[in-house]
């Protein structure tokens, strides 16, 4: 659902991912509500495998979510660490 672009937060000098939904088609029939629920759900958690939501907003043609960037290698490492901790009883 939507397209994701790599961007940069110029004020804080950090990489971001921007998920964009077009208001023509993609956000009809409740899609806009699902998009907002997705952003709210992701922002409710603090977990290494869930991105941080920095901003949600809209323009005349799009609704967007700006979020942190996670590399696949980082996700794989956090999965390995969690598995190791659960085996060790931590």
Protein backbone atom coordinates (compact mmCIF):
# COMPACT_ATOMS: atom_id res chain seq x y z
CA UNK A 1 0.00 0.00 0.00
CA UNK A 2 1.71 3.18 -1.19
CA UNK A 3 5.23 3.95 -2.31
CA UNK A 4 8.25 4.45 -0.07
CA UNK A 5 11.07 6.88 -0.84
CA UNK A 6 14.40 7.47 0.82
CA UNK A 7 14.80 11.04 2.03
CA UNK A 8 16.69 13.26 4.44
CA UNK A 9 15.48 15.33 7.35
CA UNK A 10 17.44 18.48 6.54
CA UNK A 11 16.82 20.11 9.91
CA UNK A 12 18.11 17.16 11.97
CA UNK A 13 20.45 15.70 9.32
CA UNK A 14 19.12 12.16 9.51
CA UNK A 15 17.94 9.71 6.87
CA UNK A 16 14.20 9.09 6.67
CA UNK A 17 11.78 6.96 4.71
CA UNK A 18 8.69 8.67 3.32
CA UNK A 19 5.65 6.51 2.62
CA UNK A 20 3.30 8.28 0.22
CA UNK A 21 -0.28 7.47 -0.71
CA UNK A 22 -2.04 9.18 -3.60
CA UNK A 23 -5.44 10.66 -2.80
CA UNK A 24 -6.57 9.52 -6.27
CA UNK A 25 -7.55 5.90 -5.91
CA UNK A 26 -5.30 4.50 -3.16
CA UNK A 27 -7.00 6.40 -0.36
CA UNK A 28 -10.58 5.86 -1.42
CA UNK A 29 -12.98 3.48 0.33
CA UNK A 30 -11.42 3.70 3.75
CA UNK A 31 -7.81 3.54 2.63
CA UNK A 32 -7.04 6.88 4.27
CA UNK A 33 -8.32 5.58 7.62
CA UNK A 34 -6.17 2.42 7.27
CA UNK A 35 -3.14 4.57 6.43
CA UNK A 36 -3.70 6.68 9.57
CA UNK A 37 -4.23 3.53 11.69
CA UNK A 38 -0.94 2.15 10.35
CA UNK A 39 0.90 5.31 11.42
CA UNK A 40 -0.76 5.34 14.85
CA UNK A 41 -0.07 1.65 15.43
CA UNK A 42 3.61 1.98 14.51
CA UNK A 43 4.01 5.08 16.69
CA UNK A 44 2.53 3.29 19.72
CA UNK A 45 5.47 0.88 20.02
CA UNK A 46 9.13 1.24 20.88
CA UNK A 47 10.79 -1.86 19.45
CA UNK A 48 13.97 -2.43 17.42
CA UNK A 49 11.98 -4.02 14.56
CA UNK A 50 9.37 -1.25 14.32
CA UNK A 51 10.30 2.06 12.72
CA UNK A 52 9.89 5.35 14.55
CA UNK A 53 7.23 7.64 13.11
CA UNK A 54 8.44 11.25 12.89
CA UNK A 55 5.52 12.89 11.12
CA UNK A 56 2.27 12.29 9.27
CA UNK A 57 0.71 14.84 6.98
CA UNK A 58 -0.95 15.57 3.70
CA UNK A 59 -0.73 17.76 0.64
CA UNK A 60 -3.44 18.42 -1.93
CA UNK A 61 -2.59 15.18 -3.76
CA UNK A 62 -0.95 12.89 -1.17
CA UNK A 63 -0.99 11.67 2.39
CA UNK A 64 2.40 10.72 3.83
CA UNK A 65 4.21 9.18 6.79
CA UNK A 66 7.81 10.17 7.56
CA UNK A 67 9.62 7.45 9.50
CA UNK A 68 13.03 6.29 10.56
CA UNK A 69 15.14 4.14 8.29
CA UNK A 70 16.16 0.61 9.28
CA UNK A 71 18.61 -1.42 7.24
CA UNK A 72 18.07 -5.13 6.74
CA UNK A 73 21.35 -5.86 8.50
CA UNK A 74 20.14 -3.98 11.60
CA UNK A 75 16.89 -5.95 11.64
CA UNK A 76 18.73 -9.25 11.26
CA UNK A 77 21.10 -8.36 14.13
CA UNK A 78 18.23 -7.39 16.44
CA UNK A 79 16.44 -10.68 15.61
CA UNK A 80 19.60 -12.62 16.49
CA UNK A 81 20.03 -10.68 19.75
CA UNK A 82 16.39 -11.26 20.75
CA UNK A 83 16.64 -14.98 20.01
CA UNK A 84 19.83 -15.23 22.03
CA UNK A 85 18.31 -13.36 24.96
CA UNK A 86 15.19 -15.55 24.98
CA UNK A 87 17.34 -18.72 24.98
CA UNK A 88 19.45 -17.34 27.86
CA UNK A 89 16.32 -16.42 29.83
CA UNK A 90 17.08 -12.69 29.81
